[in-house]
Each structure stands twice: as C-alpha cells, then as structure tokens.
Amino acid sequence: LEMNTSGVDRCGGFLPTADIFRRFKELGGEIVTVGSDAHNCARVGQYSFEACEILKDIFGYVCTFDDGTAIEMGAPAEDILAALGDPFNVAEAPSCIHEGTDRIYTFNGYTVTTSPDADGKDRIQEVALLSDAVMLEGGVSVGSTLDDAVKIFGSDYTEQFGVIQYTMENIMVSIVLDGDSYITSLVMTVNS
C-alpha cells in the first residue's frame, strides 16, 4: 500500500487517508511505501517527512529501505545483479563492444546496463538513475540540484546540449537538468 503525498495540495490530504492505513494495520498489513507522484522535479519528495510521521503514529515505526548494494562501474555483473534482486524487465541486444549480448536491467527508479568484456564475462557498463527512489552515496538523486552534484563531483564539468558532463578516470557522469535547477536523470557510463 502506498501513501501518496500529491493529494495534500490537490485534495487537502494524503491519499489514501490515514483511516485506510489504520484499517490496513488492523488486517495485519505493515509494508507501506511513500510516493510523491511528482510530475516535476520541484515536487519530488514533497511532504514525505510528514507522511512518515503519520505512518509512524499508526504503525509505531518507520523503516527506510536501503540494502546498501554497491554497483561498481566496470565490475563483473553477476554478483551485483544477484544482490539487486529480480528486475522488472530485461532488454537485450547484440553488443557493439565485444562478442555477446548487452542487457539493460530495469529496477525501481534505475537501470543497469551490462556488456560482455573480451573474455565474454558481463560487466557493469552503465547505471542510470531515473527517479528519486535511489541515490548515490553522497545523497544525489533525481530531484537534487546541480549544487548538490557539484558538492559530490566538483565544479570541473562541461555542458553540452543542456547536459552536464563529468569525465573521470574511466567513468563519465551525465546529468540532465530541468531548466537550470533540478536533476531529471543521472547516468554513469564506463568510458571504453
């Protein structure tokens, strides 16, 4: 069951109401998520703290999910993918880099792309953050600002076609902004 915070501004309260969550608990339910149903970056996470306070009053506790799985760019993919669990979708195409198949694994709020290396072993090629459901170690996610990204990656970036790009040792980070303010996507790619 999800408590949607978008109703606060649209309807005057969280959706569904707290009464529904109380009944859910009475029936034995206890796993609830909070979503902002944001259709623009300025609303990502809006009223989430207040929603968690209401849920804490009803259920007695609030847990945030963070399994701590590290996704190392260029690393062998097998153990990382196993730790991430089942994706919603997997798309495949012949690899343009080496013999074999590239795969894009779609998870909640992010994708992981793998490509085979010269020995045919799948490696992490790209990670794309697509929602505020996940974030980088430093706290940057979709909905963060360019200033937040600069705190993590520094100010040595280029801007091309409205995309902020950081080029590091073997990784490129591409950040798309909503105007000049909020991050709408963040993609980390191994430089081949």
C-alpha atoms as a PDB file:
ATOM      1  CA  LEU A   1       0.000   0.000   0.000  1.00  0.00           C
ATOM      2  CA  GLU A   2       1.326   3.487  -0.833  1.00  0.00           C
ATOM      3  CA  MET A   3       0.687   6.784   0.896  1.00  0.00           C
ATOM      4  CA  ASN A   4       0.695   9.327  -1.923  1.00  0.00           C
ATOM      5  CA  THR A   5       1.658  12.846  -0.868  1.00  0.00           C
ATOM      6  CA  SER A   6       0.404  14.601  -4.023  1.00  0.00           C
ATOM      7  CA  GLY A   7      -3.095  14.804  -2.554  1.00  0.00           C
ATOM      8  CA  VAL A   8      -2.013  17.351   0.068  1.00  0.00           C
ATOM      9  CA  ASP A   9      -2.024  20.170  -2.487  1.00  0.00           C
ATOM     10  CA  ARG A  10      -4.590  18.676  -4.857  1.00  0.00           C
ATOM     11  CA  CYS A  11      -7.223  17.382  -2.406  1.00  0.00           C
ATOM     12  CA  GLY A  12      -6.227  18.648   1.017  1.00  0.00           C
ATOM     13  CA  GLY A  13      -4.784  15.407   2.388  1.00  0.00           C
ATOM     14  CA  PHE A  14      -2.715  12.283   1.842  1.00  0.00           C
ATOM     15  CA  LEU A  15      -4.103   9.560  -0.416  1.00  0.00           C
ATOM     16  CA  PRO A  16      -5.455   7.261   0.802  1.00  0.00           C
ATOM     17  CA  THR A  17      -6.441   8.755   4.150  1.00  0.00           C
ATOM     18  CA  ALA A  18      -4.922   7.742   7.473  1.00  0.00           C
ATOM     19  CA  ASP A  19      -8.096   5.753   8.249  1.00  0.00           C
ATOM     20  CA  ILE A  20      -7.300   3.364   5.385  1.00  0.00           C
ATOM     21  CA  PHE A  21      -3.811   2.758   6.814  1.00  0.00           C
ATOM     22  CA  ARG A  22      -5.262   2.133  10.287  1.00  0.00           C
ATOM     23  CA  ARG A  23      -7.597  -0.478   8.784  1.00  0.00           C
ATOM     24  CA  PHE A  24      -4.686  -1.936   6.793  1.00  0.00           C
ATOM     25  CA  LYS A  25      -2.774  -2.372  10.067  1.00  0.00           C
ATOM     26  CA  GLU A  26      -5.828  -3.965  11.766  1.00  0.00           C
ATOM     27  CA  LEU A  27      -5.928  -6.525   8.950  1.00  0.00           C
ATOM     28  CA  GLY A  28      -2.257  -7.379   9.505  1.00  0.00           C
ATOM     29  CA  GLY A  29      -0.672  -5.128   6.896  1.00  0.00           C
ATOM     30  CA  GLU A  30       2.601  -3.437   7.668  1.00  0.00           C
ATOM     31  CA  ILE A  31       4.539  -2.739   4.465  1.00  0.00           C
ATOM     32  CA  VAL A  32       3.771   0.751   3.182  1.00  0.00           C
ATOM     33  CA  THR A  33       5.624   2.994   0.775  1.00  0.00           C
ATOM     34  CA  VAL A  34       5.507   6.772   0.436  1.00  0.00           C
ATOM     35  CA  GLY A  35       5.392   8.341  -3.023  1.00  0.00           C
ATOM     36  CA  SER A  36       5.239  11.953  -4.118  1.00  0.00           C
ATOM     37  CA  ASP A  37       3.698  11.253  -7.549  1.00  0.00           C
ATOM     38  CA  ALA A  38       5.787  14.199  -8.721  1.00  0.00           C
ATOM     39  CA  HIS A  39       5.265  15.307 -12.280  1.00  0.00           C
ATOM     40  CA  ASN A  40       8.005  17.903 -11.998  1.00  0.00           C
ATOM     41  CA  CYS A  41      11.272  17.891 -10.106  1.00  0.00           C
ATOM     42  CA  ALA A  42      10.307  20.621  -7.663  1.00  0.00           C
ATOM     43  CA  ARG A  43       7.717  18.258  -6.104  1.00  0.00           C
ATOM     44  CA  VAL A  44       9.923  15.178  -5.703  1.00  0.00           C
ATOM     45  CA  GLY A  45       9.723  14.035  -2.096  1.00  0.00           C
ATOM     46  CA  GLN A  46       7.312  16.809  -1.137  1.00  0.00           C
ATOM     47  CA  TYR A  47       5.515  16.108   2.173  1.00  0.00           C
ATOM     48  CA  SER A  48       7.357  12.784   2.587  1.00  0.00           C
ATOM     49  CA  PHE A  49       8.564  13.650   6.089  1.00  0.00           C
ATOM     50  CA  GLU A  50       5.014  14.482   7.190  1.00  0.00           C
ATOM     51  CA  ALA A  51       3.712  11.240   5.648  1.00  0.00           C
ATOM     52  CA  CYS A  52       6.319   9.219   7.560  1.00  0.00           C
ATOM     53  CA  GLU A  53       5.281  10.906  10.810  1.00  0.00           C
ATOM     54  CA  ILE A  54       1.642   9.892  10.232  1.00  0.00           C
ATOM     55  CA  LEU A  55       2.669   6.325   9.380  1.00  0.00           C
ATOM     56  CA  LYS A  56       4.928   6.181  12.460  1.00  0.00           C
ATOM     57  CA  ASP A  57       1.956   7.164  14.627  1.00  0.00           C
ATOM     58  CA  ILE A  58      -0.160   4.396  13.064  1.00  0.00           C
ATOM     59  CA  PHE A  59       2.385   1.569  12.849  1.00  0.00           C
ATOM     60  CA  GLY A  60       4.731   2.543  15.694  1.00  0.00           C
ATOM     61  CA  TYR A  61       7.833   2.584  13.483  1.00  0.00           C
ATOM     62  CA  VAL A  62       9.073   3.588  10.049  1.00  0.00           C
ATOM     63  CA  CYS A  63      11.816   1.746   8.178  1.00  0.00           C
ATOM     64  CA  THR A  64      13.566   3.092   5.152  1.00  0.00           C
ATOM     65  CA  PHE A  65      14.821   0.592   2.603  1.00  0.00           C
ATOM     66  CA  ASP A  66      18.462   0.750   1.679  1.00  0.00           C
ATOM     67  CA  ASP A  67      20.106  -2.580   1.068  1.00  0.00           C
ATOM     68  CA  GLY A  68      23.465  -0.910   0.544  1.00  0.00           C
ATOM     69  CA  THR A  69      24.247  -2.824  -2.652  1.00  0.00           C
ATOM     70  CA  ALA A  70      27.255  -1.160  -4.261  1.00  0.00           C
ATOM     71  CA  ILE A  71      27.237  -1.026  -8.046  1.00  0.00           C
ATOM     72  CA  GLU A  72      30.839  -0.640  -9.130  1.00  0.00           C
ATOM     73  CA  MET A  73      31.258   0.584 -12.682  1.00  0.00           C
ATOM     74  CA  GLY A  74      33.138  -1.920 -14.870  1.00  0.00           C
ATOM     75  CA  ALA A  75      32.883  -4.684 -12.250  1.00  0.00           C
ATOM     76  CA  PRO A  76      31.724  -8.231 -13.019  1.00  0.00           C
ATOM     77  CA  ALA A  77      27.935  -8.077 -13.139  1.00  0.00           C
ATOM     78  CA  GLU A  78      26.843 -11.488 -11.848  1.00  0.00           C
ATOM     79  CA  ASP A  79      27.121 -10.923  -8.063  1.00  0.00           C
ATOM     80  CA  ILE A  80      25.872  -7.333  -8.264  1.00  0.00           C
ATOM     81  CA  LEU A  81      22.776  -8.329 -10.244  1.00  0.00           C
ATOM     82  CA  ALA A  82      22.083 -11.190  -7.830  1.00  0.00           C
ATOM     83  CA  ALA A  83      22.256  -8.768  -4.892  1.00  0.00           C
ATOM     84  CA  LEU A  84      19.880  -6.320  -6.606  1.00  0.00           C
ATOM     85  CA  GLY A  85      17.180  -8.977  -6.992  1.00  0.00           C
ATOM     86  CA  ASP A  86      14.723  -9.504  -9.799  1.00  0.00           C
ATOM     87  CA  PRO A  87      14.407  -6.634 -12.286  1.00  0.00           C
ATOM     88  CA  PHE A  88      11.049  -5.510 -13.687  1.00  0.00           C
ATOM     89  CA  ASN A  89      12.334  -6.004 -17.210  1.00  0.00           C
ATOM     90  CA  VAL A  90      15.415  -7.096 -19.157  1.00  0.00           C
ATOM     91  CA  ALA A  91      16.100  -5.873 -22.698  1.00  0.00           C
ATOM     92  CA  GLU A  92      18.810  -7.490 -24.823  1.00  0.00           C
ATOM     93  CA  ALA A  93      20.688  -6.539 -27.977  1.00  0.00           C
ATOM     94  CA  PRO A  94      23.879  -7.678 -29.714  1.00  0.00           C
ATOM     95  CA  SER A  95      26.861  -5.928 -28.159  1.00  0.00           C
ATOM     96  CA  CYS A  96      28.622  -3.182 -30.089  1.00  0.00           C
ATOM     97  CA  ILE A  97      31.715  -3.512 -27.893  1.00  0.00           C
ATOM     98  CA  HIS A  98      32.588  -7.234 -27.840  1.00  0.00           C
ATOM     99  CA  GLU A  99      31.091 -10.518 -28.996  1.00  0.00           C
ATOM    100  CA  GLY A 100      27.977 -11.289 -26.965  1.00  0.00           C
ATOM    101  CA  THR A 101      24.852  -9.559 -25.676  1.00  0.00           C
ATOM    102  CA  ASP A 102      24.301  -6.210 -23.947  1.00  0.00           C
ATOM    103  CA  ARG A 103      21.496  -6.219 -21.390  1.00  0.00           C
ATOM    104  CA  ILE A 104      19.522  -3.416 -19.752  1.00  0.00           C
ATOM    105  CA  TYR A 105      18.010  -4.416 -16.386  1.00  0.00           C
ATOM    106  CA  THR A 106      15.173  -2.153 -15.228  1.00  0.00           C
ATOM    107  CA  PHE A 107      14.650  -1.800 -11.480  1.00  0.00           C
ATOM    108  CA  ASN A 108      12.591   0.607  -9.369  1.00  0.00           C
ATOM    109  CA  GLY A 109      13.925   4.017 -10.348  1.00  0.00           C
ATOM    110  CA  TYR A 110      17.099   2.949 -12.123  1.00  0.00           C
ATOM    111  CA  THR A 111      18.564   0.806 -14.887  1.00  0.00           C
ATOM    112  CA  VAL A 112      21.772  -1.202 -15.004  1.00  0.00           C
ATOM    113  CA  THR A 113      23.345  -1.962 -18.375  1.00  0.00           C
ATOM    114  CA  THR A 114      25.843  -4.787 -18.798  1.00  0.00           C
ATOM    115  CA  SER A 115      28.190  -5.549 -21.689  1.00  0.00           C
ATOM    116  CA  PRO A 116      30.487  -8.513 -22.202  1.00  0.00           C
ATOM    117  CA  ASP A 117      34.238  -7.991 -21.906  1.00  0.00           C
ATOM    118  CA  ALA A 118      36.811  -9.527 -24.283  1.00  0.00           C
ATOM    119  CA  ASP A 119      36.518 -12.835 -22.373  1.00  0.00           C
ATOM    120  CA  GLY A 120      32.704 -12.859 -22.642  1.00  0.00           C
ATOM    121  CA  LYS A 121      32.123 -12.017 -18.954  1.00  0.00           C
ATOM    122  CA  ASP A 122      29.306  -9.490 -18.370  1.00  0.00           C
ATOM    123  CA  ARG A 123      30.425  -6.274 -16.686  1.00  0.00           C
ATOM    124  CA  ILE A 124      28.564  -3.194 -15.442  1.00  0.00           C
ATOM    125  CA  GLN A 125      28.665  -0.680 -18.305  1.00  0.00           C
ATOM    126  CA  GLU A 126      26.107   1.929 -17.255  1.00  0.00           C
ATOM    127  CA  VAL A 127      23.826   2.896 -14.366  1.00  0.00           C
ATOM    128  CA  ALA A 128      21.009   5.394 -14.921  1.00  0.00           C
ATOM    129  CA  LEU A 129      19.072   6.987 -12.045  1.00  0.00           C
ATOM    130  CA  LEU A 130      15.564   7.752 -13.271  1.00  0.00           C
ATOM    131  CA  SER A 131      13.667   8.670 -10.094  1.00  0.00           C
ATOM    132  CA  ASP A 132      14.168   9.734  -6.512  1.00  0.00           C
ATOM    133  CA  ALA A 133      13.738   6.108  -5.403  1.00  0.00           C
ATOM    134  CA  VAL A 134      17.540   5.654  -5.437  1.00  0.00           C
ATOM    135  CA  MET A 135      20.534   7.877  -4.857  1.00  0.00           C
ATOM    136  CA  LEU A 136      24.291   7.989  -4.996  1.00  0.00           C
ATOM    137  CA  GLU A 137      26.330   7.594  -1.808  1.00  0.00           C
ATOM    138  CA  GLY A 138      26.595  11.363  -1.379  1.00  0.00           C
ATOM    139  CA  GLY A 139      22.832  11.783  -1.472  1.00  0.00           C
ATOM    140  CA  VAL A 140      22.446  12.979  -5.065  1.00  0.00           C
ATOM    141  CA  SER A 141      19.371  11.682  -6.885  1.00  0.00           C
ATOM    142  CA  VAL A 142      16.725  12.783  -9.344  1.00  0.00           C
ATOM    143  CA  GLY A 143      15.276  15.935  -7.809  1.00  0.00           C
ATOM    144  CA  SER A 144      18.620  17.094  -6.385  1.00  0.00           C
ATOM    145  CA  THR A 145      20.116  20.346  -7.641  1.00  0.00           C
ATOM    146  CA  LEU A 146      23.238  20.995  -9.684  1.00  0.00           C
ATOM    147  CA  ASP A 147      24.748  22.470  -6.493  1.00  0.00           C
ATOM    148  CA  ASP A 148      24.216  19.096  -4.806  1.00  0.00           C
ATOM    149  CA  ALA A 149      26.043  17.364  -7.677  1.00  0.00           C
ATOM    150  CA  VAL A 150      28.901  19.879  -7.515  1.00  0.00           C
ATOM    151  CA  LYS A 151      29.372  19.045  -3.816  1.00  0.00           C
ATOM    152  CA  ILE A 152      29.956  15.401  -4.808  1.00  0.00           C
ATOM    153  CA  PHE A 153      31.691  15.636  -8.193  1.00  0.00           C
ATOM    154  CA  GLY A 154      33.263  19.110  -8.088  1.00  0.00           C
ATOM    155  CA  SER A 155      32.955  22.068 -10.437  1.00  0.00           C
ATOM    156  CA  ASP A 156      35.135  20.693 -13.246  1.00  0.00           C
ATOM    157  CA  TYR A 157      32.375  19.779 -15.708  1.00  0.00           C
ATOM    158  CA  THR A 158      31.375  20.625 -19.242  1.00  0.00           C
ATOM    159  CA  GLU A 159      27.927  21.481 -20.505  1.00  0.00           C
ATOM    160  CA  GLN A 160      26.855  20.312 -23.925  1.00  0.00           C
ATOM    161  CA  PHE A 161      23.310  20.474 -25.305  1.00  0.00           C
ATOM    162  CA  GLY A 162      21.943  21.106 -21.815  1.00  0.00           C
ATOM    163  CA  VAL A 163      23.694  18.072 -20.341  1.00  0.00           C
ATOM    164  CA  ILE A 164      26.271  18.472 -17.578  1.00  0.00           C
ATOM    165  CA  GLN A 165      29.159  16.021 -18.061  1.00  0.00           C
ATOM    166  CA  TYR A 166      31.904  14.985 -15.691  1.00  0.00           C
ATOM    167  CA  THR A 167      34.730  12.909 -17.148  1.00  0.00           C
ATOM    168  CA  MET A 168      36.709  10.992 -14.548  1.00  0.00           C
ATOM    169  CA  GLU A 169      39.371   8.283 -14.841  1.00  0.00           C
ATOM    170  CA  ASN A 170      37.218   5.668 -16.543  1.00  0.00           C
ATOM    171  CA  ILE A 171      33.699   6.941 -15.884  1.00  0.00           C
ATOM    172  CA  MET A 172      31.566   9.641 -17.450  1.00  0.00           C
ATOM    173  CA  VAL A 173      28.698  11.110 -15.438  1.00  0.00           C
ATOM    174  CA  SER A 174      25.947  12.823 -17.445  1.00  0.00           C
ATOM    175  CA  ILE A 175      23.333  14.918 -15.663  1.00  0.00           C
ATOM    176  CA  VAL A 176      20.186  16.287 -17.294  1.00  0.00           C
ATOM    177  CA  LEU A 177      18.589  19.265 -15.586  1.00  0.00           C
ATOM    178  CA  ASP A 178      15.041  20.581 -15.606  1.00  0.00           C
ATOM    179  CA  GLY A 179      15.954  24.096 -16.771  1.00  0.00           C
ATOM    180  CA  ASP A 180      18.900  25.127 -14.615  1.00  0.00           C
ATOM    181  CA  SER A 181      17.633  23.766 -11.327  1.00  0.00           C
ATOM    182  CA  TYR A 182      16.777  20.130 -10.699  1.00  0.00           C
ATOM    183  CA  ILE A 183      18.284  16.848 -11.880  1.00  0.00           C
ATOM    184  CA  THR A 184      15.863  14.847 -14.039  1.00  0.00           C
ATOM    185  CA  SER A 185      18.273  11.998 -14.810  1.00  0.00           C
ATOM    186  CA  LEU A 186      21.820  10.980 -13.935  1.00  0.00           C
ATOM    187  CA  VAL A 187      23.756   8.429 -15.975  1.00  0.00           C
ATOM    188  CA  MET A 188      27.160   6.918 -15.123  1.00  0.00           C
ATOM    189  CA  THR A 189      28.913   5.187 -18.023  1.00  0.00           C
ATOM    190  CA  VAL A 190      32.223   3.353 -18.290  1.00  0.00           C
ATOM    191  CA  ASN A 191      34.492   5.102 -20.792  1.00  0.00           C
ATOM    192  CA  SER A 192      35.523   2.446 -23.285  1.00  0.00           C
END
